[in-house]
Protein backbone atom coordinates (compact mmCIF):
# COMPACT_ATOMS: atom_id res chain seq x y z
CA UNK A 1 34.45 8.25 33.16
CA UNK A 2 35.22 4.90 31.64
CA UNK A 3 34.37 4.14 27.92
CA UNK A 4 31.68 1.89 29.04
CA UNK A 5 29.94 4.62 31.01
CA UNK A 6 29.51 6.56 27.72
CA UNK A 7 27.45 3.61 26.26
CA UNK A 8 24.09 4.95 27.65
CA UNK A 9 24.57 8.40 26.48
CA UNK A 10 25.52 7.47 22.98
CA UNK A 11 22.40 5.24 22.98
CA UNK A 12 20.33 8.10 24.31
CA UNK A 13 21.61 10.34 21.36
CA UNK A 14 20.60 7.56 19.12
CA UNK A 15 16.96 7.15 20.56
CA UNK A 16 16.31 11.01 20.97
CA UNK A 17 15.67 11.59 17.13
CA UNK A 18 13.51 8.55 16.82
CA UNK A 19 11.46 9.81 19.96
CA UNK A 20 11.29 13.29 18.38
CA UNK A 21 9.90 12.02 15.14
CA UNK A 22 7.34 9.84 16.88
CA UNK A 23 6.15 12.87 18.88
CA UNK A 24 5.95 15.16 16.03
CA UNK A 25 4.30 12.54 13.60
CA UNK A 26 2.05 11.23 16.40
CA UNK A 27 0.85 14.70 17.29
CA UNK A 28 0.09 15.44 13.74
CA UNK A 29 -1.80 12.15 13.66
CA UNK A 30 -3.77 12.97 16.77
CA UNK A 31 -4.88 16.39 15.25
CA UNK A 32 -6.25 14.39 12.10
CA UNK A 33 -8.30 12.21 14.43
CA UNK A 34 -6.03 9.20 14.25
CA UNK A 35 -4.39 6.90 16.93
CA UNK A 36 -2.62 8.18 20.06
CA UNK A 37 -0.27 5.25 20.09
CA UNK A 38 2.57 7.01 18.14
CA UNK A 39 2.57 10.24 20.34
CA UNK A 40 2.59 8.29 23.59
CA UNK A 41 5.28 6.04 22.43
CA UNK A 42 7.31 8.94 21.26
CA UNK A 43 6.92 10.44 24.77
CA UNK A 44 7.83 7.23 26.54
CA UNK A 45 10.84 6.85 24.22
CA UNK A 46 11.84 10.42 25.12
CA UNK A 47 11.72 9.53 28.80
CA UNK A 48 13.93 6.55 28.10
CA UNK A 49 16.49 8.69 26.33
CA UNK A 50 16.48 11.01 29.29
CA UNK A 51 17.08 8.35 31.80
CA UNK A 52 19.93 6.74 29.82
CA UNK A 53 21.57 10.13 29.38
CA UNK A 54 21.52 10.02 33.33
CA UNK A 55 22.70 6.44 33.19
CA UNK A 56 19.58 5.40 35.25
CA UNK A 57 18.73 1.65 35.06
CA UNK A 58 15.10 2.67 35.13
CA UNK A 59 15.28 3.32 31.49
CA UNK A 60 15.11 -0.66 30.92
CA UNK A 61 11.65 -1.22 32.72
CA UNK A 62 10.26 1.84 30.93
CA UNK A 63 11.46 0.46 27.56
CA UNK A 64 9.97 -2.93 28.29
CA UNK A 65 6.43 -0.98 29.21
CA UNK A 66 6.77 0.41 25.66
CA UNK A 67 7.27 -3.18 24.13
CA UNK A 68 4.28 -4.55 26.28
CA UNK A 69 2.04 -1.59 25.54
CA UNK A 70 2.95 -2.05 21.77
CA UNK A 71 1.97 -5.75 21.96
CA UNK A 72 -1.27 -5.17 23.53
CA UNK A 73 -2.16 -2.22 20.96
CA UNK A 74 -0.86 -4.42 17.96
CA UNK A 75 -3.13 -7.38 18.88
CA UNK A 76 -6.09 -5.06 19.46
CA UNK A 77 -5.64 -3.39 15.97
CA UNK A 78 -4.25 -6.38 13.90
CA UNK A 79 -5.21 -9.53 15.68
CA UNK A 80 -2.90 -12.44 14.71
CA UNK A 81 -1.75 -11.32 11.46
CA UNK A 82 1.80 -11.97 11.33
CA UNK A 83 2.65 -9.56 8.51
CA UNK A 84 0.80 -6.80 10.41
CA UNK A 85 2.59 -7.52 13.78
CA UNK A 86 5.89 -7.84 12.22
CA UNK A 87 6.67 -4.10 11.62
CA UNK A 88 5.01 -3.16 14.81
CA UNK A 89 6.99 -5.36 17.17
CA UNK A 90 10.19 -6.19 15.55
CA UNK A 91 11.19 -2.42 15.28
CA UNK A 92 11.17 -1.88 19.08
CA UNK A 93 12.96 -5.20 19.61
CA UNK A 94 15.78 -4.31 17.00
CA UNK A 95 16.06 -0.74 18.43
CA UNK A 96 16.37 -1.99 21.89
CA UNK A 97 18.42 -5.22 21.42
CA UNK A 98 21.68 -3.48 22.85
CA UNK A 99 19.97 -2.51 25.98
CA UNK A 100 19.34 -6.31 26.80
CA UNK A 101 23.27 -7.21 26.72
CA UNK A 102 24.89 -7.77 30.15
CA UNK A 103 27.63 -5.11 29.09
CA UNK A 104 25.12 -2.29 28.52
CA UNK A 105 23.27 -3.09 31.78
CA UNK A 106 26.40 -3.00 33.67
CA UNK A 107 27.09 0.63 32.51
CA UNK A 108 23.86 1.62 34.13
CA UNK A 109 23.47 2.99 37.65
CA UNK A 110 21.29 0.97 40.01
CA UNK A 111 17.91 2.29 41.32
CA UNK A 112 18.19 4.72 43.98
CA UNK A 113 16.29 2.83 46.81
CA UNK A 114 15.95 -0.93 47.67
CA UNK A 115 12.23 -0.42 47.41
CA UNK A 116 12.20 0.90 43.84
CA UNK A 117 14.69 -1.58 42.90
CA UNK A 118 12.39 -4.42 44.26
CA UNK A 119 9.37 -3.12 42.09
CA UNK A 120 7.87 -6.24 40.13
CA UNK A 121 8.22 -4.45 36.88
CA UNK A 122 12.08 -4.81 37.02
CA UNK A 123 11.42 -8.73 36.90
CA UNK A 124 11.81 -10.65 33.64
CA UNK A 125 9.10 -12.90 35.09
CA UNK A 126 6.67 -10.02 35.48
CA UNK A 127 7.36 -9.01 32.06
CA UNK A 128 6.77 -12.36 30.57
CA UNK A 129 3.55 -12.64 32.51
CA UNK A 130 2.26 -9.33 31.03
CA UNK A 131 3.16 -10.52 27.57
CA UNK A 132 1.20 -13.69 28.03
CA UNK A 133 -1.64 -11.75 29.38
CA UNK A 134 -1.66 -9.54 26.28
CA UNK A 135 -1.83 -12.50 23.99
CA UNK A 136 -4.58 -14.07 25.94
CA UNK A 137 -6.64 -10.84 25.85
CA UNK A 138 -5.92 -10.38 22.00
CA UNK A 139 -7.39 -13.97 21.49
CA UNK A 140 -10.34 -12.99 23.73
CA UNK A 141 -10.83 -9.70 21.78
CA UNK A 142 -10.45 -11.36 18.35
CA UNK A 143 -13.58 -10.94 16.35
CA UNK A 144 -15.02 -14.17 14.90
CA UNK A 145 -15.40 -13.82 11.17
CA UNK A 146 -17.92 -15.50 9.39
CA UNK A 147 -17.67 -17.15 5.92
CA UNK A 148 -20.29 -14.71 4.91
CA UNK A 149 -18.15 -11.85 5.49
CA UNK A 150 -15.85 -12.75 2.65
CA UNK A 151 -16.66 -10.81 -0.47
CA UNK A 152 -16.03 -13.80 -2.69
CA UNK A 153 -18.98 -15.41 -0.75
CA UNK A 154 -21.11 -12.37 -0.89
CA UNK A 155 -20.78 -12.19 -4.65
CA UNK A 156 -21.26 -15.97 -5.20
CA UNK A 157 -19.29 -18.90 -6.39
CA UNK A 158 -19.77 -21.76 -8.66
CA UNK A 159 -18.26 -23.98 -11.32
CA UNK A 160 -18.39 -23.18 -14.91
CA UNK A 161 -20.28 -24.03 -17.02
CA UNK A 162 -22.70 -25.84 -14.50
CA UNK A 163 -23.59 -22.72 -12.62
CA UNK A 164 -22.95 -18.98 -13.58
CA UNK A 165 -22.62 -16.25 -11.13
CA UNK A 166 -25.64 -14.15 -10.28
CA UNK A 167 -24.16 -10.90 -11.58
CA UNK A 168 -25.15 -7.64 -10.07
CA UNK A 169 -26.21 -4.48 -12.14
CA UNK A 170 -22.58 -3.18 -12.25
CA UNK A 171 -21.32 -6.17 -14.02
CA UNK A 172 -21.98 -7.09 -17.79
CA UNK A 173 -20.67 -4.27 -20.09
CA UNK A 174 -18.79 -2.47 -17.33
CA UNK A 175 -15.64 -3.71 -15.46
CA UNK A 176 -15.59 -1.58 -12.11
CA UNK A 177 -13.40 -3.79 -9.93
CA UNK A 178 -9.87 -5.33 -10.54
CA UNK A 179 -11.46 -8.77 -10.89
CA UNK A 180 -14.78 -7.28 -12.42
CA UNK A 181 -16.93 -7.94 -9.33
CA UNK A 182 -16.00 -7.71 -5.67
CA UNK A 183 -15.35 -11.37 -5.58
CA UNK A 184 -12.59 -11.11 -8.18
CA UNK A 185 -14.47 -13.73 -10.53
CA UNK A 186 -13.08 -12.00 -13.61
CA UNK A 187 -16.37 -13.34 -15.31
CA UNK A 188 -18.26 -11.19 -17.97
CA UNK A 189 -21.85 -11.84 -19.36
CA UNK A 190 -20.94 -10.53 -22.59
CA UNK A 191 -21.27 -13.04 -25.42
CA UNK A 192 -20.56 -11.11 -28.65
CA UNK A 193 -16.83 -12.79 -28.49
CA UNK A 194 -17.01 -16.56 -28.24
CA UNK A 195 -14.29 -19.43 -28.80
CA UNK A 196 -16.10 -19.76 -32.11
CA UNK A 197 -15.34 -16.22 -33.58
CA UNK A 198 -12.40 -15.01 -31.67
CA UNK A 199 -9.98 -16.23 -34.51
CA UNK A 200 -11.67 -13.76 -36.68
CA UNK A 201 -10.98 -10.65 -34.65
CA UNK A 202 -9.28 -7.93 -36.36
CA UNK A 203 -7.67 -4.65 -35.00
CA UNK A 204 -10.06 -1.79 -35.04
CA UNK A 205 -8.05 0.88 -33.41
CA UNK A 206 -4.87 1.37 -31.18
CA UNK A 207 -3.59 3.99 -28.73
CA UNK A 208 -0.01 4.80 -27.62
CA UNK A 209 0.04 3.91 -23.96
CA UNK A 210 3.61 4.12 -23.30
CA UNK A 211 6.56 6.32 -23.95
CA UNK A 212 9.04 3.51 -23.25
CA UNK A 213 10.93 2.09 -25.94
CA UNK A 214 11.71 -1.11 -24.05
CA UNK A 215 9.02 -3.73 -25.07
CA UNK A 216 9.42 -5.45 -21.72
CA UNK A 217 8.24 -2.44 -19.54
CA UNK A 218 5.84 -0.83 -22.25
CA UNK A 219 2.08 -0.99 -22.22
CA UNK A 220 -0.46 -1.60 -19.30
CA UNK A 221 0.64 -2.21 -15.75
CA UNK A 222 -2.98 -2.89 -14.44
CA UNK A 223 -6.26 -4.52 -15.37
CA UNK A 224 -8.22 -1.66 -16.97
CA UNK A 225 -11.48 -0.40 -15.30
CA UNK A 226 -14.47 -0.10 -17.71
CA UNK A 227 -17.22 2.41 -16.42
CA UNK A 228 -19.82 3.26 -18.93
CA UNK A 229 -18.15 3.93 -22.22
CA UNK A 230 -14.92 5.10 -20.77
CA UNK A 231 -11.85 2.67 -20.14
CA UNK A 232 -9.42 3.82 -17.45
CA UNK A 233 -6.00 2.52 -17.09
CA UNK A 234 -2.26 3.65 -16.21
CA UNK A 235 1.07 2.83 -18.11
CA UNK A 236 4.50 1.96 -16.83
CA UNK A 237 5.34 5.64 -16.19
CA UNK A 238 2.41 5.94 -13.94
CA UNK A 239 0.33 8.19 -16.41
CA UNK A 240 -3.45 7.72 -15.98
CA UNK A 241 -5.64 7.83 -19.01
CA UNK A 242 -9.15 7.49 -20.16
CA UNK A 243 -10.00 6.08 -23.67
CA UNK A 244 -13.53 6.55 -25.05
CA UNK A 245 -14.26 2.84 -26.06
C-alpha cells in the first residue's frame, strides 16, 4: 500500500475521537432535553470515519450532508447572526478541508457501482443547490422582529432633561439590572446628590474589596446591583460579596 493510501486511515483516526466526543456529549444533552443535533452529527461523523478507514469515496457525500444539515440547523436556530453562525459552520469546514483536495480524493476507492456513482448527491452542483435552498428556507423562517420587542423601547427612551423615563417600581432606590432598568438607561430618580452638593461629599465608610496589591486590577469588576438595603458585587479574584448599605 502506497503512502497516499494511508491518508484516509490517518484522517479516520483524526475524526474518530471528535465523533466519539459528539456522540457522548450529544447523548447527554438529549437526556437533559436539549438538541438532537450534536448526537446525530456525531453518528454521521462516525460513519465518515469508518468509510475513510475502508478508503471508500462515499465518505465525501456523507460529510457534505453533515455540512448541509448543519447549515439548515444553524439558520433555523440562529438566523443570519454572523457571530452565531461562524462557530457552527467554520468548524466543520476546517475539519473537512483536507478531504476537498484532489490528492486526498484520489486516495479513495470509487463507488462500487455506476448507479451509486451517478447519484446526484455526488455532484457539487447538487450540493450548491441544497445550500442555496437552505439559505432561502432560513430567510423564510426568520421571525420578523418588531421595534417594540427591544427592551430599550419597552422601558422607554427620551432626551434629558426634556423628558424623563417613566420608571417602574423596581427602579429608584434599587439598582436591579446592569444598567438599572432593562433598557440600560443608567438613570436614577434619586435626588439627594446633585451637581450642587456633590463637591461636599465625604467618605463615610469603606470596605476592602480586593486582596490584590496591584492597584490596576484591584477593586470592583462589575456594576454593583442594589436590591433593598443590600449591595451585591464581585471583585477581581471572583469573590462575590454583599454589603449592608
